[in-house]
Protein backbone atom coordinates (compact mmCIF):
# COMPACT_ATOMS: atom_id res chain seq x y z
CA MET A 1 18.12 51.69 3.20
CA ASP A 2 17.31 48.76 0.93
CA ASP A 3 15.74 49.72 -2.41
CA LYS A 4 12.55 47.86 -1.55
CA ASP A 5 12.07 50.21 1.43
CA LEU A 6 12.67 53.42 -0.53
CA PRO A 7 9.51 55.55 -0.06
CA ILE A 8 7.67 56.22 -3.31
CA VAL A 9 5.02 58.79 -4.13
CA ASP A 10 3.57 57.86 -7.49
CA ALA A 11 3.13 61.34 -8.92
CA HIS A 12 0.93 60.36 -11.87
CA HIS A 13 -1.54 57.52 -12.18
CA HIS A 14 -5.15 56.94 -13.23
CA LEU A 15 -8.16 54.98 -12.03
CA TRP A 16 -11.38 54.22 -13.88
CA ASP A 17 -14.45 52.05 -13.51
CA LEU A 18 -15.95 51.23 -16.87
CA GLU A 19 -18.98 49.69 -15.15
CA SER A 20 -19.88 52.99 -13.48
CA ALA A 21 -21.69 56.05 -14.81
CA MET A 22 -18.34 57.62 -15.72
CA ARG A 23 -17.49 57.63 -19.43
CA TYR A 24 -14.03 57.70 -21.00
CA PRO A 25 -14.44 58.24 -24.74
CA TRP A 26 -10.74 57.74 -25.45
CA LEU A 27 -10.89 54.22 -24.01
CA GLU A 28 -13.69 53.18 -26.32
CA SER A 29 -11.60 52.89 -29.49
CA GLY A 30 -8.70 50.75 -28.25
CA GLU A 31 -6.33 52.59 -30.58
CA HIS A 32 -4.18 55.62 -29.79
CA GLN A 33 -2.03 57.92 -31.92
CA TRP A 34 1.04 57.35 -29.71
CA LEU A 35 0.38 54.12 -27.83
CA GLY A 36 -0.91 52.04 -30.70
CA ASP A 37 -3.00 49.05 -29.60
CA TYR A 38 -3.99 49.59 -26.00
CA SER A 39 -6.94 47.24 -25.83
CA ARG A 40 -5.42 45.62 -22.73
CA ILE A 41 -6.11 48.76 -20.65
CA CYS A 42 -9.68 49.21 -21.89
CA ARG A 43 -11.00 47.72 -18.68
CA THR A 44 -11.75 48.79 -15.13
CA TYR A 45 -8.68 49.70 -13.06
CA LEU A 46 -9.21 50.40 -9.34
CA PRO A 47 -7.08 50.67 -6.15
CA ALA A 48 -7.07 46.93 -5.43
CA GLU A 49 -5.36 46.20 -8.74
CA TYR A 50 -3.03 49.17 -8.39
CA ARG A 51 -1.90 47.83 -5.02
CA ARG A 52 -1.25 44.41 -6.52
CA ASP A 53 0.82 46.05 -9.26
CA THR A 54 2.90 47.96 -6.70
CA ALA A 55 3.16 45.27 -4.00
CA LEU A 56 6.94 44.85 -4.31
CA HIS A 57 7.60 48.54 -3.58
CA ASN A 58 6.99 50.97 -0.72
CA VAL A 59 4.34 53.28 -2.18
CA VAL A 60 3.42 55.76 0.55
CA ALA A 61 1.11 58.07 -1.44
CA THR A 62 -0.31 58.57 -4.92
CA VAL A 63 -1.48 61.45 -7.10
CA HIS A 64 -4.41 60.83 -9.42
CA ILE A 65 -4.40 62.78 -12.67
CA GLU A 66 -7.69 63.34 -14.46
CA ALA A 67 -8.24 60.40 -16.79
CA GLU A 68 -9.93 62.23 -19.66
CA ALA A 69 -13.43 61.37 -18.56
CA ASP A 70 -16.19 62.85 -20.68
CA ARG A 71 -15.71 66.57 -20.18
CA SER A 72 -19.30 67.00 -19.05
CA GLN A 73 -18.30 64.81 -16.07
CA GLN A 74 -15.24 66.70 -14.91
CA LEU A 75 -16.74 67.50 -11.50
CA ALA A 76 -18.31 64.05 -11.29
CA GLU A 77 -14.90 62.44 -11.80
CA THR A 78 -13.51 64.42 -8.86
CA ALA A 79 -16.48 63.45 -6.69
CA TRP A 80 -16.06 59.78 -7.66
CA LEU A 81 -12.35 59.86 -6.82
CA THR A 82 -13.08 61.51 -3.49
CA ARG A 83 -15.36 58.61 -2.61
CA ILE A 84 -12.73 56.11 -3.72
CA ALA A 85 -10.13 57.86 -1.54
CA ALA A 86 -12.44 57.75 1.49
CA GLU A 87 -13.09 54.04 0.94
CA THR A 88 -9.58 52.85 0.06
CA GLY A 89 -7.08 55.45 1.28
CA MET A 90 -5.94 56.42 -2.22
CA PRO A 91 -5.37 58.66 -4.06
CA ASN A 92 -3.86 61.17 -1.64
CA ALA A 93 -4.17 64.09 -4.05
CA ILE A 94 -6.16 64.81 -7.21
CA VAL A 95 -5.28 66.80 -10.31
CA ALA A 96 -8.68 67.53 -11.78
CA HIS A 97 -9.79 68.78 -15.17
CA ALA A 98 -11.15 72.20 -16.09
CA TRP A 99 -11.10 74.30 -19.21
CA VAL A 100 -9.71 77.79 -18.75
CA ASP A 101 -11.19 79.45 -21.85
CA THR A 102 -14.92 78.69 -21.66
CA PRO A 103 -17.62 81.04 -20.28
CA GLY A 104 -18.11 78.94 -17.15
CA ALA A 105 -14.43 78.16 -16.61
CA GLU A 106 -14.01 80.04 -13.34
CA ASP A 107 -17.06 78.39 -11.78
CA ILE A 108 -15.69 74.93 -12.60
CA ILE A 109 -12.21 75.81 -11.37
CA ALA A 110 -13.61 77.23 -8.13
CA ALA A 111 -15.68 74.09 -7.60
CA GLN A 112 -12.67 71.86 -8.19
CA ALA A 113 -10.53 73.96 -5.85
CA ALA A 114 -13.14 73.63 -3.09
CA ASN A 115 -12.42 69.90 -2.88
CA PRO A 116 -9.74 69.32 -0.21
CA LEU A 117 -8.03 66.61 -2.27
CA VAL A 118 -7.67 68.73 -5.41
CA ARG A 119 -4.21 70.26 -5.71
CA GLY A 120 -4.08 71.16 -9.36
CA ILE A 121 -5.64 71.18 -12.80
CA ARG A 122 -4.64 69.48 -16.00
CA THR A 123 -5.95 71.40 -18.98
CA LYS A 124 -4.50 70.52 -22.35
CA PRO A 125 -3.90 73.01 -25.14
CA VAL A 126 -4.59 72.04 -28.75
CA ILE A 127 -1.56 70.31 -30.25
CA ALA A 128 -0.33 69.64 -33.77
CA SER A 129 -0.47 66.09 -35.16
CA GLY A 130 3.31 65.96 -35.45
CA PRO A 131 6.52 68.01 -35.60
CA GLY A 132 5.91 68.90 -39.25
CA ASP A 133 2.46 70.36 -38.53
CA SER A 134 1.39 73.56 -36.75
CA VAL A 135 -1.64 74.82 -34.87
CA ARG A 136 0.06 78.08 -33.94
CA GLY A 137 -2.53 80.76 -33.20
CA GLU A 138 -5.57 78.48 -33.30
CA LYS A 139 -8.22 78.61 -30.58
CA ARG A 140 -6.94 76.92 -27.40
CA SER A 141 -3.45 76.71 -28.84
CA LEU A 142 -0.45 77.77 -26.80
CA GLN A 143 -0.62 81.16 -28.53
CA ASP A 144 -4.34 81.77 -27.96
CA PRO A 145 -4.53 84.96 -25.80
CA VAL A 146 -7.90 83.93 -24.31
CA TRP A 147 -6.50 80.56 -23.24
CA ARG A 148 -3.28 82.08 -21.92
CA LYS A 149 -5.17 84.64 -19.86
CA GLY A 150 -7.57 82.02 -18.53
CA LEU A 151 -4.68 79.93 -17.33
CA GLY A 152 -4.09 82.61 -14.71
CA LEU A 153 -7.24 81.40 -12.93
CA LEU A 154 -5.19 78.52 -11.57
CA THR A 155 -2.94 80.91 -9.68
CA LYS A 156 -5.99 82.78 -8.41
CA TYR A 157 -7.31 79.57 -6.86
CA ASP A 158 -3.87 78.36 -5.68
CA LEU A 159 -3.86 75.39 -8.04
CA SER A 160 -0.90 73.94 -9.88
CA TRP A 161 -0.92 73.20 -13.60
CA ASP A 162 -0.07 69.80 -15.05
CA LEU A 163 1.29 70.65 -18.49
CA ARG A 164 1.03 67.93 -21.11
CA VAL A 165 2.33 68.56 -24.62
CA PRO A 166 4.58 66.45 -26.88
CA TRP A 167 8.23 67.25 -27.50
CA TYR A 168 7.66 69.48 -30.51
CA HIS A 169 5.59 71.95 -28.43
CA LEU A 170 7.93 72.27 -25.44
CA ALA A 171 9.64 75.47 -26.53
CA GLU A 172 6.25 77.10 -27.15
CA ALA A 173 5.05 75.88 -23.74
CA ALA A 174 8.05 77.57 -22.14
CA GLU A 175 6.79 80.90 -23.52
CA VAL A 176 3.51 80.35 -21.65
CA CYS A 177 5.28 79.30 -18.45
CA ARG A 178 7.33 82.49 -18.48
CA GLU A 179 4.07 84.47 -18.44
CA HIS A 180 3.05 82.75 -15.18
CA PRO A 181 6.15 82.84 -12.96
CA ASP A 182 4.11 82.43 -9.76
CA MET A 183 2.27 79.31 -10.94
CA ARG A 184 3.39 75.86 -9.82
CA ILE A 185 3.81 73.94 -13.08
CA VAL A 186 4.82 70.35 -13.71
CA LEU A 187 5.55 68.92 -17.14
CA ASN A 188 3.96 65.53 -17.73
CA HIS A 189 5.69 62.48 -19.17
CA THR A 190 9.23 63.78 -19.60
CA GLY A 191 7.98 66.02 -22.39
CA TYR A 192 6.90 62.97 -24.42
CA PRO A 193 10.14 62.28 -26.36
CA LEU A 194 8.38 59.69 -28.49
CA ASP A 195 10.60 60.08 -31.55
CA ARG A 196 14.17 59.12 -30.63
CA SER A 197 15.73 60.10 -33.93
CA LYS A 198 18.75 62.37 -33.59
CA GLU A 199 16.85 65.29 -35.16
CA GLN A 200 13.79 65.02 -32.91
CA LEU A 201 15.80 64.37 -29.75
CA ALA A 202 17.51 67.69 -30.45
CA VAL A 203 14.07 69.35 -30.67
CA TRP A 204 13.10 67.70 -27.37
CA LYS A 205 16.32 68.81 -25.68
CA ARG A 206 15.93 72.45 -26.80
CA GLY A 207 12.40 72.50 -25.43
CA MET A 208 13.43 70.86 -22.16
CA GLU A 209 16.24 73.38 -21.77
CA ALA A 210 13.77 76.24 -22.27
CA LEU A 211 11.38 74.83 -19.67
CA SER A 212 14.13 74.04 -17.19
CA CYS A 213 15.12 77.72 -17.26
CA CYS A 214 11.73 78.49 -15.69
CA PRO A 215 12.35 77.93 -11.95
CA ASN A 216 8.65 77.26 -11.29
CA VAL A 217 8.51 74.34 -13.75
CA HIS A 218 9.06 70.78 -12.52
CA CYS A 219 9.13 67.56 -14.51
CA LYS A 220 7.54 64.13 -14.11
CA ILE A 221 9.68 61.32 -15.45
CA SER A 222 7.11 58.95 -16.92
CA GLY A 223 5.39 58.20 -20.21
CA LEU A 224 8.54 56.74 -21.78
CA THR A 225 6.67 54.57 -24.25
CA VAL A 226 8.42 54.47 -27.62
CA ALA A 227 6.63 52.76 -30.50
CA GLY A 228 8.36 49.59 -31.60
CA LYS A 229 10.83 49.59 -28.71
CA PRO A 230 10.75 47.89 -25.30
CA TRP A 231 10.91 49.76 -21.98
CA THR A 232 14.61 49.35 -21.17
CA LEU A 233 17.34 51.58 -19.83
CA GLN A 234 19.11 51.12 -23.15
CA VAL A 235 16.14 52.94 -24.70
CA ASN A 236 15.24 55.34 -21.87
CA GLY A 237 18.24 55.69 -19.58
CA ALA A 238 19.89 58.60 -21.39
CA VAL A 239 16.59 60.54 -21.52
CA ILE A 240 16.09 60.04 -17.77
CA ARG A 241 19.62 61.12 -16.92
CA GLU A 242 19.46 64.14 -19.23
CA THR A 243 16.14 65.24 -17.74
CA ILE A 244 17.53 65.09 -14.20
CA GLY A 245 20.61 66.93 -15.40
CA LEU A 246 18.53 69.75 -16.86
CA PHE A 247 15.93 70.19 -14.11
CA GLY A 248 18.03 69.03 -11.17
CA VAL A 249 17.08 66.57 -8.46
CA ASN A 250 14.93 69.19 -6.72
CA ARG A 251 12.51 69.58 -9.65
CA CYS A 252 12.03 66.01 -10.93
CA MET A 253 9.71 63.28 -9.72
CA PHE A 254 9.16 59.71 -10.86
CA ALA A 255 5.68 58.55 -11.86
CA SER A 256 4.12 55.42 -13.32
CA ASN A 257 1.36 56.74 -15.61
CA PHE A 258 -0.39 53.50 -14.77
CA PRO A 259 -2.29 51.73 -16.10
CA VAL A 260 -1.50 53.50 -19.40
CA ASP A 261 2.22 52.68 -19.40
CA SER A 262 1.41 49.02 -18.71
CA VAL A 263 1.18 48.69 -22.51
CA LYS A 264 4.99 48.61 -22.33
CA ALA A 265 5.95 47.18 -18.95
CA SER A 266 4.80 46.28 -15.45
CA TRP A 267 4.81 48.83 -12.64
CA ASP A 268 7.52 46.79 -10.92
CA TRP A 269 9.70 46.76 -14.04
CA ILE A 270 9.42 50.53 -14.58
CA PHE A 271 10.18 51.51 -11.00
CA THR A 272 12.96 48.97 -10.66
CA ARG A 273 14.56 50.59 -13.71
CA PHE A 274 14.08 54.03 -12.10
CA LYS A 275 15.91 52.69 -9.06
CA ASP A 276 18.65 51.19 -11.22
CA VAL A 277 19.30 54.39 -13.17
CA THR A 278 19.62 56.43 -9.96
CA ALA A 279 21.62 53.87 -7.99
CA GLY A 280 24.74 56.03 -8.02
CA LEU A 281 23.04 59.14 -6.61
CA PRO A 282 23.20 60.14 -2.94
CA HIS A 283 20.41 58.71 -0.80
CA GLU A 284 19.04 62.20 -0.13
CA ASP A 285 18.70 62.86 -3.87
CA ARG A 286 16.91 59.59 -4.47
CA ARG A 287 14.43 60.34 -1.68
CA LYS A 288 13.65 63.63 -3.42
CA LEU A 289 13.14 62.02 -6.81
CA PHE A 290 11.01 59.14 -5.56
CA ALA A 291 8.92 60.88 -2.90
CA GLU A 292 9.83 64.19 -1.33
CA ASN A 293 9.50 66.40 -4.41
CA ALA A 294 6.03 65.06 -5.18
CA LEU A 295 4.95 65.44 -1.55
CA ALA A 296 6.04 69.08 -1.58
CA PHE A 297 4.70 69.97 -5.02
CA TYR A 298 1.26 68.46 -4.40
CA ARG A 299 1.21 69.48 -0.73
CA ILE A 300 0.59 66.00 0.61
CA GLU A 301 0.91 65.37 4.33
CA LEU A 302 1.56 61.77 5.25
CA PRO A 303 -0.11 60.39 8.38
């Protein structure tokens, strides 16, 4: 099979309409702790543009991850995406938002789970500002017993958890994952190895090893945006190969994180590099990495 025909399930992307009633506070500043200047993505991004971005590849399904809409609109975002899917045929699955430690958490989670497109929840713990800082034991931190207990609601409602923490929290996140062995969990953005110094790559690798020892934890290879460096295989190839080596081809999936990762490269560039770095793998393994693992994890049935 030619590379251009390789089926792709984009396991992590976003849509937003800044002309609608939906609000995205994080897009209003144009500046981000990790991405730097991202003013170019502070604009509406809908399926028509996504399809133009992906036109050179065989994208057969997509998974929309909550786009940090105003948290009072978490159900409204899901309803909006459901309408978009009905009108355009994408996304094919939704990972919605819900808190797990608020008084009304279960009601929100139940409402999200009732939507036939919703397969999981992304709920982010509080994180430290950097590897030299700590929020250990704070409310909604990875050690907060209320938050950790509430996370079990996802299993109750048969929802997966999209885990997003930076590299210096991965080992702590593994402690949480071990408490929920029956939960389907997927780590976002390759564990965010944003600092490629030898010291911090060692921290990232220890955390990834801890998570990979949890058989219910999968990994999305995406979010490889390093400040001051281009998106190249010289920069990212070793991280990709090491991630696949740790988790195995059965528990990894490629994803674009578009339009966010467009601050570094085009969709075509990123996925062409994914294809390049896996060119030596058996065809069956590549099909898993590019499509089959995401289809299975998010329970997507293609027409």
